[in-house]
């Protein structure tokens, strides 16, 4: 039996062979993270995957359609992270915030392509950056802001602008994984195991919360 997840040579898949969409979207993330949106062509991506250019355009419509699909696929994970953290009535608010931060940083370790892609996209106004903000960030923002408001009103943390929190967690916490060469030169381990990643994520959460907590 032929393994349909193996990379084949160029050309259309054989009759009856299904396109492995999960593998394709992961490859698209890798490609866009490596070269940016403008630097990556659908034709080159098709060549990397060993499928036809026509197959990709039929499935996703355009390069931008493929970009949207890849980001939708991966960012659904971080959406679940914050939904779980903010919908946990058994957790103290500060612990809920801490768990959200830890899980977000661990997400960044599992998917470093996202931060690399957003480093390309975040400085340019385009339908792509607006898609990420409107589809994933803004729907979750009220829940996180309500959490922050309760902590501020109870005197447990100082007022913290939402954008500041976002970039401290996403940019600061995830940079170790999005920039592995620089991180290695600074002494970070190559291919950190899950325990190492969790220790880093917990350190990020503890330092951040210590900084904003009131005496």
N, C-alpha and C. Protein backbone atom coordinates (compact mmCIF):
# COMPACT_ATOMS: atom_id res chain seq x y z
N UNK A 1 0.86 -1.20 0.00
CA UNK A 1 0.00 0.00 0.00
C UNK A 1 0.89 1.24 0.00
N UNK A 2 0.64 2.17 -0.94
CA UNK A 2 1.44 3.38 -1.01
C UNK A 2 1.05 4.34 0.09
N UNK A 3 2.04 4.94 0.76
CA UNK A 3 1.77 5.92 1.80
C UNK A 3 1.47 7.26 1.13
N UNK A 4 0.24 7.73 1.24
CA UNK A 4 -0.13 8.98 0.56
C UNK A 4 0.46 10.20 1.21
N UNK A 5 1.07 10.07 2.40
CA UNK A 5 1.68 11.23 3.05
C UNK A 5 3.11 11.43 2.60
N UNK A 6 3.68 10.47 1.87
CA UNK A 6 5.05 10.62 1.41
C UNK A 6 5.09 11.61 0.26
N UNK A 7 6.17 12.37 0.15
CA UNK A 7 6.31 13.34 -0.93
C UNK A 7 6.58 12.59 -2.22
N UNK A 8 5.77 12.83 -3.25
CA UNK A 8 5.93 12.20 -4.54
C UNK A 8 6.64 13.14 -5.48
N UNK A 9 6.96 12.61 -6.62
CA UNK A 9 7.55 13.44 -7.66
C UNK A 9 6.52 14.39 -8.22
N UNK A 10 6.94 15.23 -9.16
CA UNK A 10 6.05 16.23 -9.72
C UNK A 10 4.93 15.55 -10.50
N UNK A 11 3.81 16.26 -10.61
CA UNK A 11 2.70 15.74 -11.37
C UNK A 11 1.46 15.56 -10.52
N UNK A 12 0.39 15.19 -11.17
CA UNK A 12 -0.87 15.02 -10.46
C UNK A 12 -0.85 13.76 -9.62
N UNK A 13 -1.61 13.74 -8.50
CA UNK A 13 -1.72 12.50 -7.75
C UNK A 13 -2.33 11.41 -8.61
N UNK A 14 -2.03 10.18 -8.31
CA UNK A 14 -2.61 9.05 -9.03
C UNK A 14 -4.11 9.01 -8.81
N UNK A 15 -4.80 8.33 -9.72
CA UNK A 15 -6.25 8.18 -9.60
C UNK A 15 -6.57 7.53 -8.26
N UNK A 16 -7.52 8.13 -7.54
CA UNK A 16 -7.90 7.58 -6.26
C UNK A 16 -7.07 8.07 -5.11
N UNK A 17 -5.96 8.75 -5.37
CA UNK A 17 -5.11 9.26 -4.29
C UNK A 17 -5.66 10.59 -3.81
N UNK A 18 -5.88 10.72 -2.52
CA UNK A 18 -6.44 11.94 -1.97
C UNK A 18 -5.34 12.90 -1.55
N UNK A 19 -5.64 14.18 -1.66
CA UNK A 19 -4.72 15.21 -1.22
C UNK A 19 -4.70 15.25 0.30
N UNK A 20 -3.52 15.14 0.88
CA UNK A 20 -3.39 15.21 2.34
C UNK A 20 -3.38 16.68 2.72
N UNK A 21 -4.56 17.21 3.06
CA UNK A 21 -4.72 18.65 3.28
C UNK A 21 -3.93 19.12 4.49
N UNK A 22 -3.92 18.31 5.57
CA UNK A 22 -3.19 18.71 6.77
C UNK A 22 -1.71 18.87 6.46
N UNK A 23 -1.16 17.91 5.76
CA UNK A 23 0.26 17.98 5.40
C UNK A 23 0.53 19.15 4.46
N UNK A 24 -0.40 19.39 3.55
CA UNK A 24 -0.23 20.49 2.62
C UNK A 24 -0.24 21.83 3.34
N UNK A 25 -1.17 22.00 4.29
CA UNK A 25 -1.25 23.27 5.01
C UNK A 25 -0.03 23.49 5.88
N UNK A 26 0.52 22.40 6.45
CA UNK A 26 1.75 22.53 7.23
C UNK A 26 2.91 22.94 6.33
N UNK A 27 2.97 22.34 5.15
CA UNK A 27 4.03 22.73 4.20
C UNK A 27 3.87 24.17 3.75
N UNK A 28 2.63 24.62 3.60
CA UNK A 28 2.40 26.02 3.23
C UNK A 28 2.87 26.95 4.33
N UNK A 29 2.59 26.61 5.60
CA UNK A 29 3.08 27.41 6.73
C UNK A 29 4.60 27.51 6.70
N UNK A 30 5.25 26.37 6.49
CA UNK A 30 6.72 26.36 6.44
C UNK A 30 7.22 27.27 5.33
N UNK A 31 6.58 27.18 4.17
CA UNK A 31 7.03 27.96 3.02
C UNK A 31 6.81 29.45 3.22
N UNK A 32 5.63 29.84 3.71
CA UNK A 32 5.36 31.26 3.94
C UNK A 32 6.24 31.82 5.06
N UNK A 33 6.55 30.99 6.06
CA UNK A 33 7.43 31.44 7.14
C UNK A 33 8.85 31.64 6.62
N UNK A 34 9.25 30.81 5.69
CA UNK A 34 10.62 30.89 5.16
C UNK A 34 10.81 32.07 4.22
N UNK A 35 9.84 32.29 3.32
CA UNK A 35 10.05 33.27 2.26
C UNK A 35 9.09 34.45 2.30
N UNK A 36 8.11 34.43 3.18
CA UNK A 36 7.12 35.48 3.19
C UNK A 36 6.09 35.27 2.10
N UNK A 37 5.01 36.01 2.19
CA UNK A 37 3.92 35.84 1.23
C UNK A 37 4.38 36.17 -0.19
N UNK A 38 5.04 37.30 -0.34
CA UNK A 38 5.45 37.73 -1.69
C UNK A 38 6.55 36.84 -2.26
N UNK A 39 7.37 36.25 -1.40
CA UNK A 39 8.48 35.45 -1.89
C UNK A 39 8.13 34.02 -2.25
N UNK A 40 6.95 33.57 -1.90
CA UNK A 40 6.56 32.19 -2.16
C UNK A 40 5.48 32.14 -3.23
N UNK A 41 5.68 31.33 -4.24
CA UNK A 41 4.67 31.14 -5.28
C UNK A 41 3.97 29.81 -5.08
N UNK A 42 2.72 29.75 -5.53
CA UNK A 42 1.98 28.50 -5.45
C UNK A 42 2.65 27.44 -6.31
N UNK A 43 3.21 27.85 -7.43
CA UNK A 43 3.89 26.90 -8.31
C UNK A 43 5.08 26.25 -7.60
N UNK A 44 5.85 27.06 -6.87
CA UNK A 44 6.98 26.50 -6.13
C UNK A 44 6.50 25.59 -5.02
N UNK A 45 5.44 25.99 -4.34
CA UNK A 45 4.90 25.14 -3.28
C UNK A 45 4.41 23.81 -3.85
N UNK A 46 3.74 23.86 -4.98
CA UNK A 46 3.29 22.63 -5.63
C UNK A 46 4.47 21.74 -5.97
N UNK A 47 5.54 22.34 -6.41
CA UNK A 47 6.74 21.57 -6.75
C UNK A 47 7.32 20.92 -5.50
N UNK A 48 7.34 21.64 -4.38
CA UNK A 48 7.85 21.07 -3.13
C UNK A 48 7.01 19.87 -2.68
N UNK A 49 5.70 19.98 -2.88
CA UNK A 49 4.79 18.93 -2.42
C UNK A 49 4.65 17.78 -3.39
N UNK A 50 5.09 17.99 -4.63
CA UNK A 50 4.94 16.95 -5.61
C UNK A 50 3.53 16.81 -6.13
N UNK A 51 2.78 17.91 -6.12
CA UNK A 51 1.43 17.90 -6.68
C UNK A 51 1.36 18.96 -7.78
N UNK A 52 0.27 18.94 -8.53
CA UNK A 52 0.17 19.89 -9.63
C UNK A 52 -0.25 21.26 -9.13
N UNK A 53 0.22 22.27 -9.86
CA UNK A 53 -0.19 23.65 -9.58
C UNK A 53 -1.71 23.77 -9.70
N UNK A 54 -2.28 23.10 -10.70
CA UNK A 54 -3.73 23.17 -10.92
C UNK A 54 -4.50 22.60 -9.74
N UNK A 55 -3.95 21.56 -9.12
CA UNK A 55 -4.63 20.96 -7.98
C UNK A 55 -4.74 21.95 -6.82
N UNK A 56 -3.66 22.69 -6.56
CA UNK A 56 -3.68 23.67 -5.47
C UNK A 56 -4.64 24.81 -5.77
N UNK A 57 -4.60 25.32 -6.99
CA UNK A 57 -5.48 26.44 -7.32
C UNK A 57 -6.95 26.00 -7.34
N UNK A 58 -7.21 24.75 -7.73
CA UNK A 58 -8.58 24.24 -7.69
C UNK A 58 -9.07 24.13 -6.25
N UNK A 59 -8.19 23.68 -5.36
CA UNK A 59 -8.58 23.44 -3.97
C UNK A 59 -8.71 24.74 -3.18
N UNK A 60 -7.79 25.72 -3.41
CA UNK A 60 -7.74 26.93 -2.57
C UNK A 60 -8.04 28.21 -3.33
N UNK A 61 -8.09 28.17 -4.65
CA UNK A 61 -8.47 29.33 -5.44
C UNK A 61 -7.33 30.26 -5.80
N UNK A 62 -6.44 30.52 -4.86
CA UNK A 62 -5.35 31.47 -5.09
C UNK A 62 -4.29 31.28 -4.01
N UNK A 63 -3.17 31.96 -4.17
CA UNK A 63 -2.14 31.90 -3.14
C UNK A 63 -2.67 32.48 -1.84
N UNK A 64 -3.43 33.57 -1.92
CA UNK A 64 -3.97 34.16 -0.70
C UNK A 64 -4.98 33.22 -0.04
N UNK A 65 -5.76 32.51 -0.85
CA UNK A 65 -6.69 31.52 -0.30
C UNK A 65 -5.96 30.41 0.45
N UNK A 66 -4.83 30.00 -0.09
CA UNK A 66 -4.01 29.00 0.58
C UNK A 66 -3.43 29.56 1.89
N UNK A 67 -2.99 30.81 1.88
CA UNK A 67 -2.46 31.46 3.09
C UNK A 67 -3.55 31.51 4.17
N UNK A 68 -4.76 31.93 3.78
CA UNK A 68 -5.86 31.98 4.75
C UNK A 68 -6.13 30.59 5.34
N UNK A 69 -6.16 29.57 4.47
CA UNK A 69 -6.46 28.22 4.94
C UNK A 69 -5.39 27.71 5.89
N UNK A 70 -4.14 28.00 5.59
CA UNK A 70 -3.04 27.54 6.45
C UNK A 70 -3.10 28.20 7.82
N UNK A 71 -3.36 29.51 7.85
CA UNK A 71 -3.42 30.21 9.12
C UNK A 71 -4.68 29.82 9.91
N UNK A 72 -5.78 29.62 9.22
CA UNK A 72 -7.01 29.15 9.89
C UNK A 72 -6.74 27.81 10.56
N UNK A 73 -6.04 26.95 9.86
CA UNK A 73 -5.75 25.60 10.36
C UNK A 73 -4.94 25.67 11.65
N UNK A 74 -3.90 26.48 11.68
CA UNK A 74 -3.00 26.47 12.84
C UNK A 74 -3.53 27.34 13.98
N UNK A 75 -4.14 28.47 13.67
CA UNK A 75 -4.56 29.39 14.72
C UNK A 75 -5.80 28.91 15.47
N UNK A 76 -6.48 27.92 14.95
CA UNK A 76 -7.59 27.34 15.70
C UNK A 76 -7.10 26.77 17.02
N UNK A 77 -5.83 26.34 17.07
CA UNK A 77 -5.27 25.81 18.31
C UNK A 77 -5.16 26.89 19.38
N UNK A 78 -4.63 28.04 19.02
CA UNK A 78 -4.48 29.11 20.02
C UNK A 78 -5.83 29.68 20.42
N UNK A 79 -6.80 29.62 19.51
CA UNK A 79 -8.16 30.04 19.86
C UNK A 79 -8.70 29.17 20.99
N UNK A 80 -8.47 27.86 20.88
CA UNK A 80 -8.93 26.94 21.93
C UNK A 80 -8.19 27.18 23.25
N UNK A 81 -6.90 27.54 23.17
CA UNK A 81 -6.12 27.80 24.37
C UNK A 81 -6.79 28.87 25.23
N UNK A 82 -7.14 29.99 24.63
CA UNK A 82 -7.69 31.10 25.41
C UNK A 82 -9.15 30.89 25.76
N UNK A 83 -9.87 30.14 24.94
CA UNK A 83 -11.24 29.80 25.32
C UNK A 83 -11.25 28.94 26.59
N UNK A 84 -10.33 27.98 26.65
CA UNK A 84 -10.24 27.12 27.83
C UNK A 84 -9.83 27.92 29.07
N UNK A 85 -8.86 28.82 28.90
CA UNK A 85 -8.38 29.59 30.05
C UNK A 85 -9.44 30.54 30.59
N UNK A 86 -10.20 31.16 29.69
CA UNK A 86 -11.19 32.15 30.14
C UNK A 86 -12.55 31.54 30.46
N UNK A 87 -12.72 30.25 30.17
CA UNK A 87 -13.98 29.57 30.48
C UNK A 87 -13.76 28.49 31.53
N UNK A 88 -12.94 28.79 32.51
CA UNK A 88 -12.64 27.82 33.57
C UNK A 88 -13.03 28.42 34.91
N UNK A 89 -14.32 28.34 35.30
CA UNK A 89 -14.77 28.99 36.53
C UNK A 89 -14.11 28.45 37.78
N UNK A 90 -13.54 27.24 37.71
CA UNK A 90 -12.88 26.68 38.89
C UNK A 90 -11.52 27.32 39.15
N UNK A 91 -10.99 28.07 38.16
CA UNK A 91 -9.68 28.69 38.31
C UNK A 91 -9.80 30.10 38.87
N UNK A 92 -8.88 30.45 39.76
CA UNK A 92 -8.70 31.84 40.16
C UNK A 92 -8.32 32.65 38.92
N UNK A 93 -8.77 33.91 38.87
CA UNK A 93 -8.51 34.73 37.68
C UNK A 93 -7.03 34.84 37.35
N UNK A 94 -6.19 35.03 38.35
CA UNK A 94 -4.76 35.17 38.09
C UNK A 94 -4.18 33.86 37.57
N UNK A 95 -4.64 32.74 38.10
CA UNK A 95 -4.17 31.44 37.61
C UNK A 95 -4.68 31.18 36.20
N UNK A 96 -5.90 31.62 35.90
CA UNK A 96 -6.43 31.46 34.55
C UNK A 96 -5.56 32.23 33.55
N UNK A 97 -5.17 33.46 33.93
CA UNK A 97 -4.31 34.26 33.06
C UNK A 97 -2.96 33.59 32.90
N UNK A 98 -2.43 33.06 33.99
CA UNK A 98 -1.14 32.38 33.93
C UNK A 98 -1.19 31.17 33.00
N UNK A 99 -2.24 30.38 33.13
CA UNK A 99 -2.35 29.20 32.28
C UNK A 99 -2.49 29.57 30.81
N UNK A 100 -3.23 30.65 30.53
CA UNK A 100 -3.34 31.12 29.16
C UNK A 100 -1.99 31.51 28.59
N UNK A 101 -1.18 32.21 29.40
CA UNK A 101 0.15 32.62 28.94
C UNK A 101 1.02 31.39 28.69
N UNK A 102 1.04 30.46 29.63
CA UNK A 102 1.87 29.25 29.48
C UNK A 102 1.48 28.50 28.21
N UNK A 103 0.20 28.31 28.01
CA UNK A 103 -0.25 27.55 26.83
C UNK A 103 0.04 28.29 25.54
N UNK A 104 -0.07 29.63 25.57
CA UNK A 104 0.24 30.40 24.37
C UNK A 104 1.71 30.27 23.99
N UNK A 105 2.59 30.32 24.97
CA UNK A 105 4.02 30.19 24.68
C UNK A 105 4.33 28.78 24.18
N UNK A 106 3.67 27.78 24.74
CA UNK A 106 3.89 26.41 24.27
C UNK A 106 3.35 26.23 22.85
N UNK A 107 2.27 26.93 22.54
CA UNK A 107 1.79 26.95 21.16
C UNK A 107 2.84 27.54 20.23
N UNK A 108 3.48 28.63 20.67
CA UNK A 108 4.52 29.26 19.85
C UNK A 108 5.69 28.32 19.60
N UNK A 109 5.99 27.48 20.58
CA UNK A 109 7.07 26.50 20.41
C UNK A 109 6.68 25.43 19.39
N UNK A 110 5.40 25.03 19.42
CA UNK A 110 4.94 23.99 18.50
C UNK A 110 4.76 24.52 17.08
N UNK A 111 4.49 25.82 16.95
CA UNK A 111 4.21 26.41 15.63
C UNK A 111 5.00 27.71 15.46
N UNK A 112 6.32 27.65 15.42
CA UNK A 112 7.11 28.88 15.29
C UNK A 112 6.88 29.60 13.97
N UNK A 113 6.32 28.89 13.00
CA UNK A 113 6.06 29.51 11.70
C UNK A 113 5.11 30.70 11.83
N UNK A 114 4.18 30.63 12.78
CA UNK A 114 3.16 31.68 12.90
C UNK A 114 3.82 33.02 13.21
N UNK A 115 4.74 33.04 14.16
CA UNK A 115 5.37 34.32 14.50
C UNK A 115 6.24 34.82 13.37
N UNK A 116 6.91 33.91 12.67
CA UNK A 116 7.72 34.35 11.52
C UNK A 116 6.84 34.95 10.44
N UNK A 117 5.70 34.31 10.18
CA UNK A 117 4.77 34.84 9.18
C UNK A 117 4.24 36.21 9.60
N UNK A 118 3.86 36.35 10.88
CA UNK A 118 3.31 37.62 11.34
C UNK A 118 4.37 38.70 11.41
N UNK A 119 5.64 38.33 11.55
CA UNK A 119 6.70 39.33 11.46
C UNK A 119 6.75 39.94 10.07
N UNK A 120 6.44 39.12 9.05
CA UNK A 120 6.33 39.65 7.68
C UNK A 120 5.08 40.51 7.53
N UNK A 121 3.96 40.02 8.04
CA UNK A 121 2.66 40.61 7.74
C UNK A 121 2.30 41.79 8.64
N UNK A 122 2.83 41.80 9.88
CA UNK A 122 2.38 42.78 10.85
C UNK A 122 2.72 44.21 10.53
N UNK A 123 3.69 44.43 9.65
CA UNK A 123 4.10 45.79 9.33
C UNK A 123 3.43 46.34 8.08
N UNK A 124 2.60 45.52 7.43
CA UNK A 124 1.98 45.91 6.17
C UNK A 124 0.47 45.75 6.28
N UNK A 125 -0.28 46.78 5.96
CA UNK A 125 -1.74 46.67 5.98
C UNK A 125 -2.20 45.86 4.78
N UNK A 126 -2.80 44.73 5.04
CA UNK A 126 -3.23 43.85 3.96
C UNK A 126 -4.44 43.05 4.43
N UNK A 127 -5.16 42.41 3.51
CA UNK A 127 -6.26 41.53 3.93
C UNK A 127 -5.78 40.39 4.83
N UNK A 128 -4.52 40.04 4.73
CA UNK A 128 -4.01 38.91 5.51
C UNK A 128 -3.88 39.27 6.99
N UNK A 129 -3.25 40.39 7.30
CA UNK A 129 -3.10 40.76 8.71
C UNK A 129 -4.48 41.07 9.31
N UNK A 130 -5.36 41.65 8.52
CA UNK A 130 -6.71 41.94 9.02
C UNK A 130 -7.50 40.65 9.24
N UNK A 131 -7.24 39.64 8.43
CA UNK A 131 -7.88 38.34 8.63
C UNK A 131 -7.50 37.76 9.98
N UNK A 132 -6.22 37.79 10.32
CA UNK A 132 -5.76 37.24 11.60
C UNK A 132 -6.38 38.01 12.77
N UNK A 133 -6.36 39.33 12.67
CA UNK A 133 -6.90 40.15 13.76
C UNK A 133 -8.41 39.96 13.89
N UNK A 134 -9.13 40.02 12.77
CA UNK A 134 -10.59 39.95 12.81
C UNK A 134 -11.11 38.55 13.10
N UNK A 135 -10.39 37.54 12.62
CA UNK A 135 -10.89 36.17 12.79
C UNK A 135 -10.49 35.57 14.12
N UNK A 136 -9.31 35.91 14.65
CA UNK A 136 -8.82 35.23 15.84
C UNK A 136 -8.60 36.15 17.04
N UNK A 137 -7.98 37.30 16.84
CA UNK A 137 -7.62 38.15 17.98
C UNK A 137 -8.83 38.88 18.54
N UNK A 138 -9.57 39.58 17.68
CA UNK A 138 -10.69 40.38 18.17
C UNK A 138 -11.81 39.55 18.82
N UNK A 139 -12.16 38.37 18.30
CA UNK A 139 -13.20 37.59 18.99
C UNK A 139 -12.82 37.15 20.40
N UNK A 140 -11.52 36.92 20.64
CA UNK A 140 -11.07 36.50 21.96
C UNK A 140 -10.80 37.67 22.89
N UNK A 141 -10.58 38.83 22.32
CA UNK A 141 -10.16 39.99 23.11
C UNK A 141 -11.12 40.35 24.24
N UNK A 142 -12.44 40.38 24.03
CA UNK A 142 -13.33 40.75 25.14
C UNK A 142 -13.19 39.84 26.35
N UNK A 143 -13.03 38.54 26.13
CA UNK A 143 -12.88 37.62 27.25
C UNK A 143 -11.61 37.90 28.04
N UNK A 144 -10.52 38.15 27.34
CA UNK A 144 -9.25 38.41 28.02
C UNK A 144 -9.31 39.76 28.73
N UNK A 145 -9.93 40.75 28.09
CA UNK A 145 -10.04 42.07 28.73
C UNK A 145 -10.94 42.00 29.97
N UNK A 146 -11.98 41.17 29.94
CA UNK A 146 -12.81 41.02 31.13
C UNK A 146 -12.00 40.41 32.27
N UNK A 147 -11.15 39.47 31.94
CA UNK A 147 -10.27 38.87 32.94
C UNK A 147 -9.33 39.92 33.53
N UNK A 148 -8.73 40.72 32.66
CA UNK A 148 -7.84 41.80 33.12
C UNK A 148 -8.60 42.83 33.96
N UNK A 149 -9.81 43.16 33.52
CA UNK A 149 -10.61 44.16 34.25
C UNK A 149 -10.94 43.68 35.66
N UNK A 150 -11.27 42.40 35.79
CA UNK A 150 -11.59 41.88 37.13
C UNK A 150 -10.36 41.90 38.02
N UNK A 151 -9.21 41.55 37.46
CA UNK A 151 -7.98 41.56 38.25
C UNK A 151 -7.58 42.98 38.63
N UNK A 152 -7.81 43.92 37.73
CA UNK A 152 -7.50 45.32 38.03
C UNK A 152 -8.46 45.88 39.07
N UNK A 153 -9.74 45.60 38.91
CA UNK A 153 -10.75 46.12 39.84
C UNK A 153 -10.54 45.57 41.25
N UNK A 154 -10.03 44.35 41.36
CA UNK A 154 -9.80 43.77 42.68
C UNK A 154 -8.45 44.18 43.26
N UNK A 155 -7.70 45.01 42.50
CA UNK A 155 -6.42 45.51 42.99
C UNK A 155 -5.29 44.50 42.92
N UNK A 156 -5.45 43.46 42.12
CA UNK A 156 -4.42 42.42 42.09
C UNK A 156 -3.35 42.69 41.02
N UNK A 157 -3.71 43.42 39.98
CA UNK A 157 -2.71 43.82 38.98
C UNK A 157 -2.91 45.29 38.65
N UNK A 158 -1.85 45.89 38.13
CA UNK A 158 -1.95 47.26 37.64
C UNK A 158 -2.65 47.25 36.29
N UNK A 159 -3.25 48.37 35.88
CA UNK A 159 -3.86 48.42 34.55
C UNK A 159 -2.84 48.07 33.48
N UNK A 160 -3.24 47.21 32.55
CA UNK A 160 -2.33 46.71 31.53
C UNK A 160 -3.00 46.81 30.17
N UNK A 161 -2.50 47.65 29.27
CA UNK A 161 -3.11 47.75 27.94
C UNK A 161 -3.10 46.39 27.24
N UNK A 162 -4.16 46.11 26.53
CA UNK A 162 -4.28 44.81 25.86
C UNK A 162 -3.13 44.57 24.88
N UNK A 163 -2.79 45.58 24.11
CA UNK A 163 -1.72 45.41 23.11
C UNK A 163 -0.39 45.09 23.79
N UNK A 164 -0.14 45.71 24.96
CA UNK A 164 1.09 45.42 25.69
C UNK A 164 1.14 43.96 26.09
N UNK A 165 0.06 43.47 26.65
CA UNK A 165 0.01 42.06 27.04
C UNK A 165 0.19 41.16 25.83
N UNK A 166 -0.48 41.47 24.74
CA UNK A 166 -0.40 40.65 23.52
C UNK A 166 1.05 40.49 23.06
N UNK A 167 1.77 41.60 22.96
CA UNK A 167 3.13 41.51 22.41
C UNK A 167 4.13 40.95 23.40
N UNK A 168 3.91 41.17 24.69
CA UNK A 168 4.79 40.54 25.67
C UNK A 168 4.70 39.02 25.60
N UNK A 169 3.47 38.52 25.43
CA UNK A 169 3.29 37.07 25.38
C UNK A 169 3.69 36.52 24.01
N UNK A 170 3.08 37.04 22.97
CA UNK A 170 3.26 36.47 21.64
C UNK A 170 4.66 36.75 21.11
N UNK A 171 5.07 38.03 21.15
CA UNK A 171 6.39 38.37 20.64
C UNK A 171 7.50 37.96 21.57
N UNK A 172 7.39 38.36 22.84
CA UNK A 172 8.46 38.06 23.79
C UNK A 172 8.57 36.59 24.11
N UNK A 173 7.45 35.97 24.44
CA UNK A 173 7.49 34.56 24.82
C UNK A 173 7.83 33.63 23.69
N UNK A 174 7.39 33.97 22.48
CA UNK A 174 7.60 33.08 21.35
C UNK A 174 8.87 33.30 20.57
N UNK A 175 9.58 34.41 20.81
CA UNK A 175 10.75 34.74 20.00
C UNK A 175 11.85 33.67 20.09
N UNK A 176 11.97 33.02 21.23
CA UNK A 176 12.99 31.98 21.41
C UNK A 176 12.84 30.88 20.37
N UNK A 177 11.61 30.61 19.97
CA UNK A 177 11.35 29.52 19.02
C UNK A 177 11.27 30.01 17.58
N UNK A 178 10.84 31.25 17.40
CA UNK A 178 10.76 31.81 16.05
C UNK A 178 12.13 32.18 15.51
N UNK A 179 13.10 32.40 16.39
CA UNK A 179 14.46 32.80 15.97
C UNK A 179 15.47 31.79 16.52
N UNK A 180 15.44 30.55 16.04
CA UNK A 180 16.27 29.50 16.65
C UNK A 180 17.76 29.71 16.50
N UNK A 181 18.19 30.33 15.41
CA UNK A 181 19.63 30.53 15.21
C UNK A 181 20.15 31.53 16.24
N UNK A 182 19.48 32.65 16.37
CA UNK A 182 19.87 33.64 17.37
C UNK A 182 19.79 33.05 18.77
N UNK A 183 18.71 32.30 19.04
CA UNK A 183 18.55 31.69 20.36
C UNK A 183 19.70 30.73 20.66
N UNK A 184 20.11 29.95 19.67
CA UNK A 184 21.21 29.01 19.88
C UNK A 184 22.51 29.76 20.19
N UNK A 185 22.74 30.87 19.48
CA UNK A 185 23.95 31.65 19.72
C UNK A 185 23.95 32.28 21.11
N UNK A 186 22.74 32.43 21.68
CA UNK A 186 22.62 32.97 23.04
C UNK A 186 22.62 31.88 24.10
N UNK A 187 22.78 30.63 23.67
CA UNK A 187 22.90 29.53 24.63
C UNK A 187 21.67 28.68 24.81
N UNK A 188 20.59 28.98 24.08
CA UNK A 188 19.38 28.15 24.18
C UNK A 188 19.65 26.81 23.52
N UNK A 189 19.03 25.74 24.00
CA UNK A 189 19.27 24.42 23.44
C UNK A 189 18.62 24.25 22.07
N UNK A 190 19.27 23.46 21.21
CA UNK A 190 18.64 23.05 19.96
C UNK A 190 17.54 22.04 20.26
N UNK A 191 16.46 22.11 19.52
CA UNK A 191 15.37 21.14 19.65
C UNK A 191 15.00 20.87 21.11
N UNK A 192 14.57 21.88 21.84
CA UNK A 192 14.24 21.68 23.27
C UNK A 192 13.11 20.67 23.44
N UNK A 193 13.21 19.87 24.50
CA UNK A 193 12.16 18.90 24.76
C UNK A 193 10.98 19.59 25.45
N UNK A 194 9.92 18.83 25.69
CA UNK A 194 8.69 19.43 26.23
C UNK A 194 8.91 20.02 27.62
N UNK A 195 9.72 19.37 28.44
CA UNK A 195 9.98 19.91 29.78
C UNK A 195 10.69 21.25 29.71
N UNK A 196 11.67 21.36 28.81
CA UNK A 196 12.40 22.62 28.64
C UNK A 196 11.47 23.72 28.15
N UNK A 197 10.60 23.37 27.20
CA UNK A 197 9.65 24.35 26.67
C UNK A 197 8.69 24.82 27.76
N UNK A 198 8.22 23.88 28.56
CA UNK A 198 7.29 24.25 29.63
C UNK A 198 7.97 25.14 30.67
N UNK A 199 9.21 24.83 31.01
CA UNK A 199 9.92 25.68 31.98
C UNK A 199 10.07 27.09 31.45
N UNK A 200 10.38 27.22 30.16
CA UNK A 200 10.48 28.54 29.54
C UNK A 200 9.13 29.25 29.60
N UNK A 201 8.05 28.54 29.24
CA UNK A 201 6.72 29.13 29.22
C UNK A 201 6.31 29.59 30.62
N UNK A 202 6.60 28.78 31.62
CA UNK A 202 6.24 29.14 32.99
C UNK A 202 7.08 30.32 33.49
N UNK A 203 8.34 30.37 33.07
CA UNK A 203 9.18 31.50 33.45
C UNK A 203 8.65 32.79 32.84
N UNK A 204 8.23 32.73 31.57
CA UNK A 204 7.65 33.90 30.92
C UNK A 204 6.41 34.36 31.67
N UNK A 205 5.53 33.42 32.00
CA UNK A 205 4.30 33.76 32.72
C UNK A 205 4.59 34.35 34.08
N UNK A 206 5.52 33.75 34.82
CA UNK A 206 5.80 34.22 36.17
C UNK A 206 6.44 35.60 36.17
N UNK A 207 7.38 35.82 35.25
CA UNK A 207 8.03 37.13 35.19
C UNK A 207 7.02 38.21 34.80
N UNK A 208 6.18 37.90 33.81
CA UNK A 208 5.19 38.88 33.36
C UNK A 208 4.20 39.22 34.47
N UNK A 209 3.68 38.18 35.13
CA UNK A 209 2.67 38.43 36.17
C UNK A 209 3.30 39.10 37.39
N UNK A 210 4.53 38.75 37.70
CA UNK A 210 5.22 39.42 38.81
C UNK A 210 5.37 40.91 38.52
N UNK A 211 5.62 41.22 37.27
CA UNK A 211 5.82 42.62 36.89
C UNK A 211 4.57 43.45 36.98
N UNK A 212 3.40 42.83 36.75
CA UNK A 212 2.16 43.62 36.75
C UNK A 212 1.36 43.49 38.04
N UNK A 213 1.74 42.54 38.88
CA UNK A 213 1.02 42.35 40.14
C UNK A 213 1.28 43.52 41.08
N UNK A 214 0.25 43.89 41.82
CA UNK A 214 0.42 44.95 42.81
C UNK A 214 1.09 44.36 44.06
N UNK A 215 1.77 45.19 44.85
CA UNK A 215 2.42 44.69 46.06
C UNK A 215 1.41 44.09 47.01
